[in-house]
């Protein structure tokens, strides 16, 4: 019975370690995407650039991040309108940084076990 108890404790610890490592990878990627989006954002007044940020979320169900601007006109710039061509900034930032997150999340299993 002691061996089963030890195995259960080891598995719990591995799960916590994996979630912490995933949280770190998501936080780094969110910061990188936010920084890149600020660089890629079109600038007229600086309001768009200054509004770009991220929020991290963690609960028993997992870890996540919400990244983006808070100004109301950001979607019009990102995707364009019927009279204005798109000037994407968030999509390219995500595309640039998402491979890092994919690689980091894949490597967690090997590091934890």
PDB file of N, CA and C in Angstrom:
ATOM      1  N   UNK A   1       0.813  -1.191   0.000  1.00  0.00           N
ATOM      2  CA  UNK A   1       0.000   0.000   0.000  1.00  0.00           C
ATOM      3  C   UNK A   1       0.859   1.259   0.000  1.00  0.00           C
ATOM      4  N   UNK A   2       2.018   1.214   0.648  1.00  0.00           N
ATOM      5  CA  UNK A   2       2.886   2.383   0.687  1.00  0.00           C
ATOM      6  C   UNK A   2       3.349   2.777  -0.710  1.00  0.00           C
ATOM      7  N   UNK A   3       3.620   1.782  -1.544  1.00  0.00           N
ATOM      8  CA  UNK A   3       4.060   2.066  -2.912  1.00  0.00           C
ATOM      9  C   UNK A   3       2.968   2.758  -3.713  1.00  0.00           C
ATOM     10  N   UNK A   4       1.718   2.320  -3.533  1.00  0.00           N
ATOM     11  CA  UNK A   4       0.603   2.975  -4.227  1.00  0.00           C
ATOM     12  C   UNK A   4       0.414   4.395  -3.736  1.00  0.00           C
ATOM     13  N   UNK A   5       0.545   4.618  -2.467  1.00  0.00           N
ATOM     14  CA  UNK A   5       0.430   5.967  -1.909  1.00  0.00           C
ATOM     15  C   UNK A   5       1.546   6.860  -2.450  1.00  0.00           C
ATOM     16  N   UNK A   6       2.756   6.312  -2.532  1.00  0.00           N
ATOM     17  CA  UNK A   6       3.876   7.077  -3.089  1.00  0.00           C
ATOM     18  C   UNK A   6       3.651   7.401  -4.563  1.00  0.00           C
ATOM     19  N   UNK A   7       3.152   6.433  -5.322  1.00  0.00           N
ATOM     20  CA  UNK A   7       2.859   6.662  -6.732  1.00  0.00           C
ATOM     21  C   UNK A   7       1.800   7.741  -6.893  1.00  0.00           C
ATOM     22  N   UNK A   8       0.752   7.692  -6.096  1.00  0.00           N
ATOM     23  CA  UNK A   8      -0.305   8.705  -6.158  1.00  0.00           C
ATOM     24  C   UNK A   8       0.254  10.082  -5.837  1.00  0.00           C
ATOM     25  N   UNK A   9       1.117  10.173  -4.846  1.00  0.00           N
ATOM     26  CA  UNK A   9       1.735  11.451  -4.480  1.00  0.00           C
ATOM     27  C   UNK A   9       2.628  11.956  -5.610  1.00  0.00           C
ATOM     28  N   UNK A  10       3.393  11.040  -6.210  1.00  0.00           N
ATOM     29  CA  UNK A  10       4.263  11.417  -7.336  1.00  0.00           C
ATOM     30  C   UNK A  10       3.450  11.929  -8.514  1.00  0.00           C
ATOM     31  N   UNK A  11       2.324  11.282  -8.809  1.00  0.00           N
ATOM     32  CA  UNK A  11       1.481  11.711  -9.919  1.00  0.00           C
ATOM     33  C   UNK A  11       0.848  13.073  -9.645  1.00  0.00           C
ATOM     34  N   UNK A  12       0.419  13.299  -8.406  1.00  0.00           N
ATOM     35  CA  UNK A  12      -0.128  14.615  -8.053  1.00  0.00           C
ATOM     36  C   UNK A  12       0.930  15.699  -8.223  1.00  0.00           C
ATOM     37  N   UNK A  13       2.131  15.414  -7.743  1.00  0.00           N
ATOM     38  CA  UNK A  13       3.229  16.377  -7.860  1.00  0.00           C
ATOM     39  C   UNK A  13       3.563  16.642  -9.323  1.00  0.00           C
ATOM     40  N   UNK A  14       3.559  15.593 -10.139  1.00  0.00           N
ATOM     41  CA  UNK A  14       3.846  15.761 -11.563  1.00  0.00           C
ATOM     42  C   UNK A  14       2.776  16.628 -12.225  1.00  0.00           C
ATOM     43  N   UNK A  15       1.520  16.427 -11.843  1.00  0.00           N
ATOM     44  CA  UNK A  15       0.441  17.239 -12.401  1.00  0.00           C
ATOM     45  C   UNK A  15       0.583  18.703 -12.036  1.00  0.00           C
ATOM     46  N   UNK A  16       0.929  18.963 -10.788  1.00  0.00           N
ATOM     47  CA  UNK A  16       1.136  20.350 -10.348  1.00  0.00           C
ATOM     48  C   UNK A  16       2.326  20.979 -11.061  1.00  0.00           C
ATOM     49  N   UNK A  17       3.393  20.208 -11.200  1.00  0.00           N
ATOM     50  CA  UNK A  17       4.586  20.722 -11.887  1.00  0.00           C
ATOM     51  C   UNK A  17       4.263  21.027 -13.355  1.00  0.00           C
ATOM     52  N   UNK A  18       3.521  20.127 -13.995  1.00  0.00           N
ATOM     53  CA  UNK A  18       3.157  20.339 -15.397  1.00  0.00           C
ATOM     54  C   UNK A  18       2.289  21.592 -15.538  1.00  0.00           C
ATOM     55  N   UNK A  19       1.338  21.780 -14.629  1.00  0.00           N
ATOM     56  CA  UNK A  19       0.478  22.962 -14.720  1.00  0.00           C
ATOM     57  C   UNK A  19       1.296  24.234 -14.490  1.00  0.00           C
ATOM     58  N   UNK A  20       2.235  24.204 -13.567  1.00  0.00           N
ATOM     59  CA  UNK A  20       3.088  25.375 -13.334  1.00  0.00           C
ATOM     60  C   UNK A  20       3.972  25.681 -14.541  1.00  0.00           C
ATOM     61  N   UNK A  21       4.507  24.628 -15.149  1.00  0.00           N
ATOM     62  CA  UNK A  21       5.334  24.829 -16.339  1.00  0.00           C
ATOM     63  C   UNK A  21       4.501  25.369 -17.492  1.00  0.00           C
ATOM     64  N   UNK A  22       3.279  24.860 -17.652  1.00  0.00           N
ATOM     65  CA  UNK A  22       2.384  25.367 -18.700  1.00  0.00           C
ATOM     66  C   UNK A  22       2.040  26.826 -18.429  1.00  0.00           C
ATOM     67  N   UNK A  23       1.790  27.170 -17.185  1.00  0.00           N
ATOM     68  CA  UNK A  23       1.477  28.559 -16.830  1.00  0.00           C
ATOM     69  C   UNK A  23       2.642  29.476 -17.180  1.00  0.00           C
ATOM     70  N   UNK A  24       3.864  29.030 -16.899  1.00  0.00           N
ATOM     71  CA  UNK A  24       5.041  29.838 -17.236  1.00  0.00           C
ATOM     72  C   UNK A  24       5.169  30.032 -18.746  1.00  0.00           C
ATOM     73  N   UNK A  25       4.954  28.959 -19.504  1.00  0.00           N
ATOM     74  CA  UNK A  25       5.057  29.045 -20.965  1.00  0.00           C
ATOM     75  C   UNK A  25       3.983  29.967 -21.533  1.00  0.00           C
ATOM     76  N   UNK A  26       2.775  29.871 -21.007  1.00  0.00           N
ATOM     77  CA  UNK A  26       1.682  30.719 -21.484  1.00  0.00           C
ATOM     78  C   UNK A  26       1.938  32.170 -21.121  1.00  0.00           C
ATOM     79  N   UNK A  27       2.436  32.432 -19.926  1.00  0.00           N
ATOM     80  CA  UNK A  27       2.731  33.804 -19.514  1.00  0.00           C
ATOM     81  C   UNK A  27       3.809  34.424 -20.399  1.00  0.00           C
ATOM     82  N   UNK A  28       4.857  33.659 -20.674  1.00  0.00           N
ATOM     83  CA  UNK A  28       5.931  34.174 -21.540  1.00  0.00           C
ATOM     84  C   UNK A  28       5.409  34.442 -22.946  1.00  0.00           C
ATOM     85  N   UNK A  29       4.636  33.516 -23.472  1.00  0.00           N
ATOM     86  CA  UNK A  29       4.111  33.682 -24.825  1.00  0.00           C
ATOM     87  C   UNK A  29       3.147  34.856 -24.894  1.00  0.00           C
ATOM     88  N   UNK A  30       2.294  35.020 -23.891  1.00  0.00           N
ATOM     89  CA  UNK A  30       1.357  36.145 -23.871  1.00  0.00           C
ATOM     90  C   UNK A  30       2.107  37.470 -23.852  1.00  0.00           C
ATOM     91  N   UNK A  31       3.157  37.552 -23.045  1.00  0.00           N
ATOM     92  CA  UNK A  31       3.958  38.780 -22.995  1.00  0.00           C
ATOM     93  C   UNK A  31       4.632  39.043 -24.342  1.00  0.00           C
ATOM     94  N   UNK A  32       5.167  37.990 -24.955  1.00  0.00           N
ATOM     95  CA  UNK A  32       5.827  38.143 -26.258  1.00  0.00           C
ATOM     96  C   UNK A  32       4.844  38.564 -27.342  1.00  0.00           C
ATOM     97  N   UNK A  33       3.660  37.958 -27.363  1.00  0.00           N
ATOM     98  CA  UNK A  33       2.650  38.324 -28.362  1.00  0.00           C
ATOM     99  C   UNK A  33       2.224  39.776 -28.152  1.00  0.00           C
ATOM    100  N   UNK A  34       2.004  40.152 -26.920  1.00  0.00           N
ATOM    101  CA  UNK A  34       1.606  41.528 -26.612  1.00  0.00           C
ATOM    102  C   UNK A  34       2.675  42.523 -27.074  1.00  0.00           C
ATOM    103  N   UNK A  35       3.925  42.222 -26.781  1.00  0.00           N
ATOM    104  CA  UNK A  35       5.019  43.108 -27.196  1.00  0.00           C
ATOM    105  C   UNK A  35       5.127  43.196 -28.712  1.00  0.00           C
ATOM    106  N   UNK A  36       5.024  42.055 -29.397  1.00  0.00           N
ATOM    107  CA  UNK A  36       5.092  42.069 -30.860  1.00  0.00           C
ATOM    108  C   UNK A  36       3.912  42.835 -31.458  1.00  0.00           C
ATOM    109  N   UNK A  37       2.723  42.630 -30.901  1.00  0.00           N
ATOM    110  CA  UNK A  37       1.544  43.337 -31.418  1.00  0.00           C
ATOM    111  C   UNK A  37       1.728  44.845 -31.293  1.00  0.00           C
ATOM    112  N   UNK A  38       2.360  45.288 -30.224  1.00  0.00           N
ATOM    113  CA  UNK A  38       2.621  46.725 -30.065  1.00  0.00           C
ATOM    114  C   UNK A  38       3.570  47.229 -31.151  1.00  0.00           C
ATOM    115  N   UNK A  39       4.541  46.405 -31.508  1.00  0.00           N
ATOM    116  CA  UNK A  39       5.487  46.785 -32.564  1.00  0.00           C
ATOM    117  C   UNK A  39       4.787  46.797 -33.924  1.00  0.00           C
ATOM    118  N   UNK A  40       3.927  45.809 -34.172  1.00  0.00           N
ATOM    119  CA  UNK A  40       3.258  45.680 -35.470  1.00  0.00           C
ATOM    120  C   UNK A  40       2.066  46.624 -35.629  1.00  0.00           C
ATOM    121  N   UNK A  41       1.552  47.175 -34.543  1.00  0.00           N
ATOM    122  CA  UNK A  41       0.333  47.987 -34.601  1.00  0.00           C
ATOM    123  C   UNK A  41       0.560  49.279 -35.369  1.00  0.00           C
ATOM    124  N   UNK A  42      -0.416  49.644 -36.215  1.00  0.00           N
ATOM    125  CA  UNK A  42      -0.314  50.942 -36.880  1.00  0.00           C
ATOM    126  C   UNK A  42      -0.436  52.051 -35.828  1.00  0.00           C
ATOM    127  N   UNK A  43       0.326  53.119 -36.026  1.00  0.00           N
ATOM    128  CA  UNK A  43       0.341  54.181 -35.016  1.00  0.00           C
ATOM    129  C   UNK A  43      -0.078  55.506 -35.646  1.00  0.00           C
ATOM    130  N   UNK A  44      -1.099  56.076 -35.073  1.00  0.00           N
ATOM    131  CA  UNK A  44      -1.488  57.439 -35.409  1.00  0.00           C
ATOM    132  C   UNK A  44      -1.385  58.299 -34.157  1.00  0.00           C
ATOM    133  N   UNK A  45      -2.049  57.860 -33.108  1.00  0.00           N
ATOM    134  CA  UNK A  45      -2.015  58.596 -31.837  1.00  0.00           C
ATOM    135  C   UNK A  45      -1.283  57.835 -30.743  1.00  0.00           C
ATOM    136  N   UNK A  46      -1.110  56.546 -30.913  1.00  0.00           N
ATOM    137  CA  UNK A  46      -0.508  55.707 -29.891  1.00  0.00           C
ATOM    138  C   UNK A  46      -1.522  55.041 -28.969  1.00  0.00           C
ATOM    139  N   UNK A  47      -2.805  55.390 -29.119  1.00  0.00           N
ATOM    140  CA  UNK A  47      -3.830  54.800 -28.261  1.00  0.00           C
ATOM    141  C   UNK A  47      -3.934  53.292 -28.451  1.00  0.00           C
ATOM    142  N   UNK A  48      -3.913  52.838 -29.694  1.00  0.00           N
ATOM    143  CA  UNK A  48      -4.000  51.398 -29.959  1.00  0.00           C
ATOM    144  C   UNK A  48      -2.833  50.679 -29.304  1.00  0.00           C
ATOM    145  N   UNK A  49      -1.646  51.140 -29.564  1.00  0.00           N
ATOM    146  CA  UNK A  49      -0.444  50.509 -29.018  1.00  0.00           C
ATOM    147  C   UNK A  49      -0.490  50.481 -27.491  1.00  0.00           C
ATOM    148  N   UNK A  50      -0.885  51.571 -26.892  1.00  0.00           N
ATOM    149  CA  UNK A  50      -0.941  51.644 -25.434  1.00  0.00           C
ATOM    150  C   UNK A  50      -2.029  50.765 -24.831  1.00  0.00           C
ATOM    151  N   UNK A  51      -3.019  50.398 -25.625  1.00  0.00           N
ATOM    152  CA  UNK A  51      -4.128  49.598 -25.095  1.00  0.00           C
ATOM    153  C   UNK A  51      -3.879  48.093 -25.180  1.00  0.00           C
ATOM    154  N   UNK A  52      -2.816  47.688 -25.839  1.00  0.00           N
ATOM    155  CA  UNK A  52      -2.538  46.260 -26.013  1.00  0.00           C
ATOM    156  C   UNK A  52      -1.922  45.696 -24.738  1.00  0.00           C
ATOM    157  N   UNK A  53      -2.510  44.604 -24.269  1.00  0.00           N
ATOM    158  CA  UNK A  53      -2.016  43.955 -23.064  1.00  0.00           C
ATOM    159  C   UNK A  53      -2.513  42.528 -22.995  1.00  0.00           C
ATOM    160  N   UNK A  54      -2.347  41.911 -21.843  1.00  0.00           N
ATOM    161  CA  UNK A  54      -2.814  40.538 -21.667  1.00  0.00           C
ATOM    162  C   UNK A  54      -3.198  40.305 -20.218  1.00  0.00           C
ATOM    163  N   UNK A  55      -4.096  39.352 -20.033  1.00  0.00           N
ATOM    164  CA  UNK A  55      -4.515  38.888 -18.714  1.00  0.00           C
ATOM    165  C   UNK A  55      -4.297  37.389 -18.656  1.00  0.00           C
ATOM    166  N   UNK A  56      -3.710  36.928 -17.566  1.00  0.00           N
ATOM    167  CA  UNK A  56      -3.513  35.500 -17.357  1.00  0.00           C
ATOM    168  C   UNK A  56      -4.636  34.971 -16.487  1.00  0.00           C
ATOM    169  N   UNK A  57      -5.079  33.753 -16.788  1.00  0.00           N
ATOM    170  CA  UNK A  57      -6.137  33.103 -16.024  1.00  0.00           C
ATOM    171  C   UNK A  57      -5.674  31.709 -15.653  1.00  0.00           C
ATOM    172  N   UNK A  58      -5.879  31.329 -14.401  1.00  0.00           N
ATOM    173  CA  UNK A  58      -5.526  29.985 -13.963  1.00  0.00           C
ATOM    174  C   UNK A  58      -6.553  29.532 -12.950  1.00  0.00           C
ATOM    175  N   UNK A  59      -7.093  28.340 -13.175  1.00  0.00           N
ATOM    176  CA  UNK A  59      -8.007  27.737 -12.217  1.00  0.00           C
ATOM    177  C   UNK A  59      -7.801  26.234 -12.256  1.00  0.00           C
ATOM    178  N   UNK A  60      -8.638  25.512 -11.580  1.00  0.00           N
ATOM    179  CA  UNK A  60      -8.466  24.058 -11.523  1.00  0.00           C
ATOM    180  C   UNK A  60      -8.625  23.410 -12.897  1.00  0.00           C
ATOM    181  N   UNK A  61      -9.264  24.107 -13.829  1.00  0.00           N
ATOM    182  CA  UNK A  61      -9.468  23.566 -15.165  1.00  0.00           C
ATOM    183  C   UNK A  61      -8.311  23.810 -16.111  1.00  0.00           C
ATOM    184  N   UNK A  62      -7.370  24.666 -15.731  1.00  0.00           N
ATOM    185  CA  UNK A  62      -6.242  24.910 -16.602  1.00  0.00           C
ATOM    186  C   UNK A  62      -5.731  26.331 -16.544  1.00  0.00           C
ATOM    187  N   UNK A  63      -4.963  26.671 -17.558  1.00  0.00           N
ATOM    188  CA  UNK A  63      -4.274  27.945 -17.630  1.00  0.00           C
ATOM    189  C   UNK A  63      -4.590  28.578 -18.982  1.00  0.00           C
ATOM    190  N   UNK A  64      -4.696  29.895 -19.013  1.00  0.00           N
ATOM    191  CA  UNK A  64      -4.949  30.558 -20.278  1.00  0.00           C
ATOM    192  C   UNK A  64      -4.552  32.020 -20.229  1.00  0.00           C
ATOM    193  N   UNK A  65      -4.650  32.669 -21.364  1.00  0.00           N
ATOM    194  CA  UNK A  65      -4.343  34.091 -21.452  1.00  0.00           C
ATOM    195  C   UNK A  65      -5.282  34.734 -22.454  1.00  0.00           C
ATOM    196  N   UNK A  66      -5.646  35.961 -22.167  1.00  0.00           N
ATOM    197  CA  UNK A  66      -6.421  36.782 -23.103  1.00  0.00           C
ATOM    198  C   UNK A  66      -5.523  37.942 -23.492  1.00  0.00           C
ATOM    199  N   UNK A  67      -5.297  38.072 -24.799  1.00  0.00           N
ATOM    200  CA  UNK A  67      -4.345  39.061 -25.310  1.00  0.00           C
ATOM    201  C   UNK A  67      -5.068  39.963 -26.292  1.00  0.00           C
ATOM    202  N   UNK A  68      -4.838  41.255 -26.205  1.00  0.00           N
ATOM    203  CA  UNK A  68      -5.424  42.135 -27.195  1.00  0.00           C
ATOM    204  C   UNK A  68      -5.546  43.567 -26.734  1.00  0.00           C
ATOM    205  N   UNK A  69      -6.031  44.392 -27.632  1.00  0.00           N
ATOM    206  CA  UNK A  69      -6.226  45.806 -27.330  1.00  0.00           C
ATOM    207  C   UNK A  69      -7.595  46.044 -26.691  1.00  0.00           C
ATOM    208  N   UNK A  70      -7.733  47.196 -26.070  1.00  0.00           N
ATOM    209  CA  UNK A  70      -9.014  47.546 -25.463  1.00  0.00           C
ATOM    210  C   UNK A  70      -9.744  48.646 -26.217  1.00  0.00           C
ATOM    211  N   UNK A  71      -9.112  49.269 -27.197  1.00  0.00           N
ATOM    212  CA  UNK A  71      -9.796  50.327 -27.940  1.00  0.00           C
ATOM    213  C   UNK A  71     -10.829  49.716 -28.887  1.00  0.00           C
ATOM    214  N   UNK A  72     -11.940  50.391 -29.049  1.00  0.00           N
ATOM    215  CA  UNK A  72     -13.070  49.849 -29.816  1.00  0.00           C
ATOM    216  C   UNK A  72     -12.794  49.700 -31.306  1.00  0.00           C
ATOM    217  N   UNK A  73     -11.863  50.465 -31.840  1.00  0.00           N
ATOM    218  CA  UNK A  73     -11.622  50.425 -33.282  1.00  0.00           C
ATOM    219  C   UNK A  73     -10.577  49.381 -33.696  1.00  0.00           C
ATOM    220  N   UNK A  74     -10.023  48.657 -32.750  1.00  0.00           N
ATOM    221  CA  UNK A  74      -8.986  47.671 -33.062  1.00  0.00           C
ATOM    222  C   UNK A  74      -9.436  46.614 -34.071  1.00  0.00           C
ATOM    223  N   UNK A  75     -10.664  46.051 -33.946  1.00  0.00           N
ATOM    224  CA  UNK A  75     -11.079  45.045 -34.941  1.00  0.00           C
ATOM    225  C   UNK A  75     -11.123  45.606 -36.374  1.00  0.00           C
ATOM    226  N   UNK A  76     -11.461  46.875 -36.506  1.00  0.00           N
ATOM    227  CA  UNK A  76     -11.510  47.475 -37.843  1.00  0.00           C
ATOM    228  C   UNK A  76     -10.117  47.534 -38.473  1.00  0.00           C
ATOM    229  N   UNK A  77      -9.122  47.789 -37.647  1.00  0.00           N
ATOM    230  CA  UNK A  77      -7.756  47.806 -38.162  1.00  0.00           C
ATOM    231  C   UNK A  77      -7.266  46.393 -38.458  1.00  0.00           C
ATOM    232  N   UNK A  78      -7.536  45.487 -37.555  1.00  0.00           N
ATOM    233  CA  UNK A  78      -7.055  44.103 -37.721  1.00  0.00           C
ATOM    234  C   UNK A  78      -7.659  43.435 -38.957  1.00  0.00           C
ATOM    235  N   UNK A  79      -8.966  43.571 -39.140  1.00  0.00           N
ATOM    236  CA  UNK A  79      -9.651  42.852 -40.224  1.00  0.00           C
ATOM    237  C   UNK A  79     -10.113  43.736 -41.372  1.00  0.00           C
ATOM    238  N   UNK A  80     -10.016  45.041 -41.246  1.00  0.00           N
ATOM    239  CA  UNK A  80     -10.447  45.934 -42.305  1.00  0.00           C
ATOM    240  C   UNK A  80     -11.945  46.167 -42.275  1.00  0.00           C
ATOM    241  N   UNK A  81     -12.380  47.022 -43.150  1.00  0.00           N
ATOM    242  CA  UNK A  81     -13.804  47.327 -43.299  1.00  0.00           C
ATOM    243  C   UNK A  81     -14.117  47.333 -44.784  1.00  0.00           C
ATOM    244  N   UNK A  82     -15.336  47.693 -45.112  1.00  0.00           N
ATOM    245  CA  UNK A  82     -15.713  47.755 -46.529  1.00  0.00           C
ATOM    246  C   UNK A  82     -14.981  48.886 -47.259  1.00  0.00           C
ATOM    247  N   UNK A  83     -14.445  49.834 -46.522  1.00  0.00           N
ATOM    248  CA  UNK A  83     -13.751  50.965 -47.154  1.00  0.00           C
ATOM    249  C   UNK A  83     -12.273  51.055 -46.772  1.00  0.00           C
ATOM    250  N   UNK A  84     -11.805  50.125 -45.937  1.00  0.00           N
ATOM    251  CA  UNK A  84     -10.421  50.187 -45.480  1.00  0.00           C
ATOM    252  C   UNK A  84      -9.808  48.781 -45.486  1.00  0.00           C
ATOM    253  N   UNK A  85      -8.640  48.687 -46.038  1.00  0.00           N
ATOM    254  CA  UNK A  85      -7.934  47.399 -46.060  1.00  0.00           C
ATOM    255  C   UNK A  85      -7.484  47.034 -44.645  1.00  0.00           C
ATOM    256  N   UNK A  86      -7.374  45.738 -44.365  1.00  0.00           N
ATOM    257  CA  UNK A  86      -6.889  45.334 -43.047  1.00  0.00           C
ATOM    258  C   UNK A  86      -5.450  45.776 -42.801  1.00  0.00           C
ATOM    259  N   UNK A  87      -5.163  46.065 -41.559  1.00  0.00           N
ATOM    260  CA  UNK A  87      -3.802  46.393 -41.132  1.00  0.00           C
ATOM    261  C   UNK A  87      -3.492  45.528 -39.905  1.00  0.00           C
ATOM    262  N   UNK A  88      -3.356  44.223 -40.138  1.00  0.00           N
ATOM    263  CA  UNK A  88      -3.235  43.280 -39.012  1.00  0.00           C
ATOM    264  C   UNK A  88      -1.983  43.514 -38.174  1.00  0.00           C
ATOM    265  N   UNK A  89      -2.159  43.326 -36.895  1.00  0.00           N
ATOM    266  CA  UNK A  89      -1.058  43.450 -35.942  1.00  0.00           C
ATOM    267  C   UNK A  89      -1.095  42.320 -34.914  1.00  0.00           C
ATOM    268  N   UNK A  90      -2.282  41.936 -34.485  1.00  0.00           N
ATOM    269  CA  UNK A  90      -2.397  40.887 -33.472  1.00  0.00           C
ATOM    270  C   UNK A  90      -2.196  39.491 -34.079  1.00  0.00           C
ATOM    271  N   UNK A  91      -2.804  39.244 -35.236  1.00  0.00           N
ATOM    272  CA  UNK A  91      -2.641  37.954 -35.904  1.00  0.00           C
ATOM    273  C   UNK A  91      -1.190  37.636 -36.229  1.00  0.00           C
ATOM    274  N   UNK A  92      -0.467  38.574 -36.838  1.00  0.00           N
ATOM    275  CA  UNK A  92       0.945  38.300 -37.112  1.00  0.00           C
ATOM    276  C   UNK A  92       1.779  38.073 -35.852  1.00  0.00           C
ATOM    277  N   UNK A  93       1.444  38.785 -34.781  1.00  0.00           N
ATOM    278  CA  UNK A  93       2.170  38.572 -33.520  1.00  0.00           C
ATOM    279  C   UNK A  93       1.905  37.171 -32.990  1.00  0.00           C
ATOM    280  N   UNK A  94       0.657  36.729 -33.056  1.00  0.00           N
ATOM    281  CA  UNK A  94       0.315  35.377 -32.613  1.00  0.00           C
ATOM    282  C   UNK A  94       1.023  34.339 -33.483  1.00  0.00           C
ATOM    283  N   UNK A  95       0.973  34.524 -34.789  1.00  0.00           N
ATOM    284  CA  UNK A  95       1.620  33.572 -35.704  1.00  0.00           C
ATOM    285  C   UNK A  95       3.124  33.472 -35.441  1.00  0.00           C
ATOM    286  N   UNK A  96       3.728  34.580 -35.091  1.00  0.00           N
ATOM    287  CA  UNK A  96       5.170  34.591 -34.841  1.00  0.00           C
ATOM    288  C   UNK A  96       5.531  33.841 -33.566  1.00  0.00           C
ATOM    289  N   UNK A  97       4.704  33.949 -32.534  1.00  0.00           N
ATOM    290  CA  UNK A  97       5.058  33.410 -31.224  1.00  0.00           C
ATOM    291  C   UNK A  97       4.426  32.065 -30.877  1.00  0.00           C
ATOM    292  N   UNK A  98       3.376  31.654 -31.571  1.00  0.00           N
ATOM    293  CA  UNK A  98       2.693  30.415 -31.204  1.00  0.00           C
ATOM    294  C   UNK A  98       3.567  29.161 -31.352  1.00  0.00           C
ATOM    295  N   UNK A  99       4.520  29.092 -32.286  1.00  0.00           N
ATOM    296  CA  UNK A  99       5.377  27.896 -32.332  1.00  0.00           C
ATOM    297  C   UNK A  99       6.162  27.676 -31.031  1.00  0.00           C
ATOM    298  N   UNK A 100       6.580  28.764 -30.373  1.00  0.00           N
ATOM    299  CA  UNK A 100       7.279  28.616 -29.095  1.00  0.00           C
ATOM    300  C   UNK A 100       6.378  27.924 -28.079  1.00  0.00           C
ATOM    301  N   UNK A 101       5.141  28.374 -27.996  1.00  0.00           N
ATOM    302  CA  UNK A 101       4.213  27.794 -27.024  1.00  0.00           C
ATOM    303  C   UNK A 101       3.966  26.322 -27.330  1.00  0.00           C
ATOM    304  N   UNK A 102       3.763  25.997 -28.594  1.00  0.00           N
ATOM    305  CA  UNK A 102       3.542  24.599 -28.972  1.00  0.00           C
ATOM    306  C   UNK A 102       4.725  23.729 -28.551  1.00  0.00           C
ATOM    307  N   UNK A 103       5.922  24.198 -28.825  1.00  0.00           N
ATOM    308  CA  UNK A 103       7.122  23.437 -28.466  1.00  0.00           C
ATOM    309  C   UNK A 103       7.243  23.307 -26.947  1.00  0.00           C
ATOM    310  N   UNK A 104       7.007  24.375 -26.220  1.00  0.00           N
ATOM    311  CA  UNK A 104       7.122  24.340 -24.760  1.00  0.00           C
ATOM    312  C   UNK A 104       6.113  23.372 -24.157  1.00  0.00           C
ATOM    313  N   UNK A 105       4.873  23.392 -24.666  1.00  0.00           N
ATOM    314  CA  UNK A 105       3.854  22.497 -24.111  1.00  0.00           C
ATOM    315  C   UNK A 105       4.161  21.040 -24.448  1.00  0.00           C
ATOM    316  N   UNK A 106       4.709  20.781 -25.628  1.00  0.00           N
ATOM    317  CA  UNK A 106       5.084  19.411 -25.986  1.00  0.00           C
ATOM    318  C   UNK A 106       6.193  18.882 -25.079  1.00  0.00           C
ATOM    319  N   UNK A 107       7.104  19.727 -24.702  1.00  0.00           N
ATOM    320  CA  UNK A 107       8.262  19.275 -23.920  1.00  0.00           C
ATOM    321  C   UNK A 107       7.920  19.053 -22.445  1.00  0.00           C
ATOM    322  N   UNK A 108       6.809  19.563 -21.976  1.00  0.00           N
ATOM    323  CA  UNK A 108       6.456  19.427 -20.561  1.00  0.00           C
ATOM    324  C   UNK A 108       6.336  17.974 -20.141  1.00  0.00           C
ATOM    325  N   UNK A 109       5.676  17.166 -20.949  1.00  0.00           N
ATOM    326  CA  UNK A 109       5.501  15.754 -20.590  1.00  0.00           C
ATOM    327  C   UNK A 109       6.826  15.050 -20.360  1.00  0.00           C
ATOM    328  N   UNK A 110       7.766  15.295 -21.218  1.00  0.00           N
ATOM    329  CA  UNK A 110       9.079  14.670 -21.079  1.00  0.00           C
ATOM    330  C   UNK A 110       9.842  15.160 -19.869  1.00  0.00           C
ATOM    331  N   UNK A 111       9.640  16.402 -19.501  1.00  0.00           N
ATOM    332  CA  UNK A 111      10.351  16.959 -18.344  1.00  0.00           C
ATOM    333  C   UNK A 111       9.732  16.543 -17.026  1.00  0.00           C
ATOM    334  N   UNK A 112       8.425  16.348 -17.025  1.00  0.00           N
ATOM    335  CA  UNK A 112       7.720  16.057 -15.781  1.00  0.00           C
ATOM    336  C   UNK A 112       7.815  14.595 -15.401  1.00  0.00           C
ATOM    337  N   UNK A 113       7.771  13.733 -16.391  1.00  0.00           N
ATOM    338  CA  UNK A 113       7.738  12.283 -16.103  1.00  0.00           C
ATOM    339  C   UNK A 113       9.126  11.726 -15.914  1.00  0.00           C
TER     340      UNK A 113
END
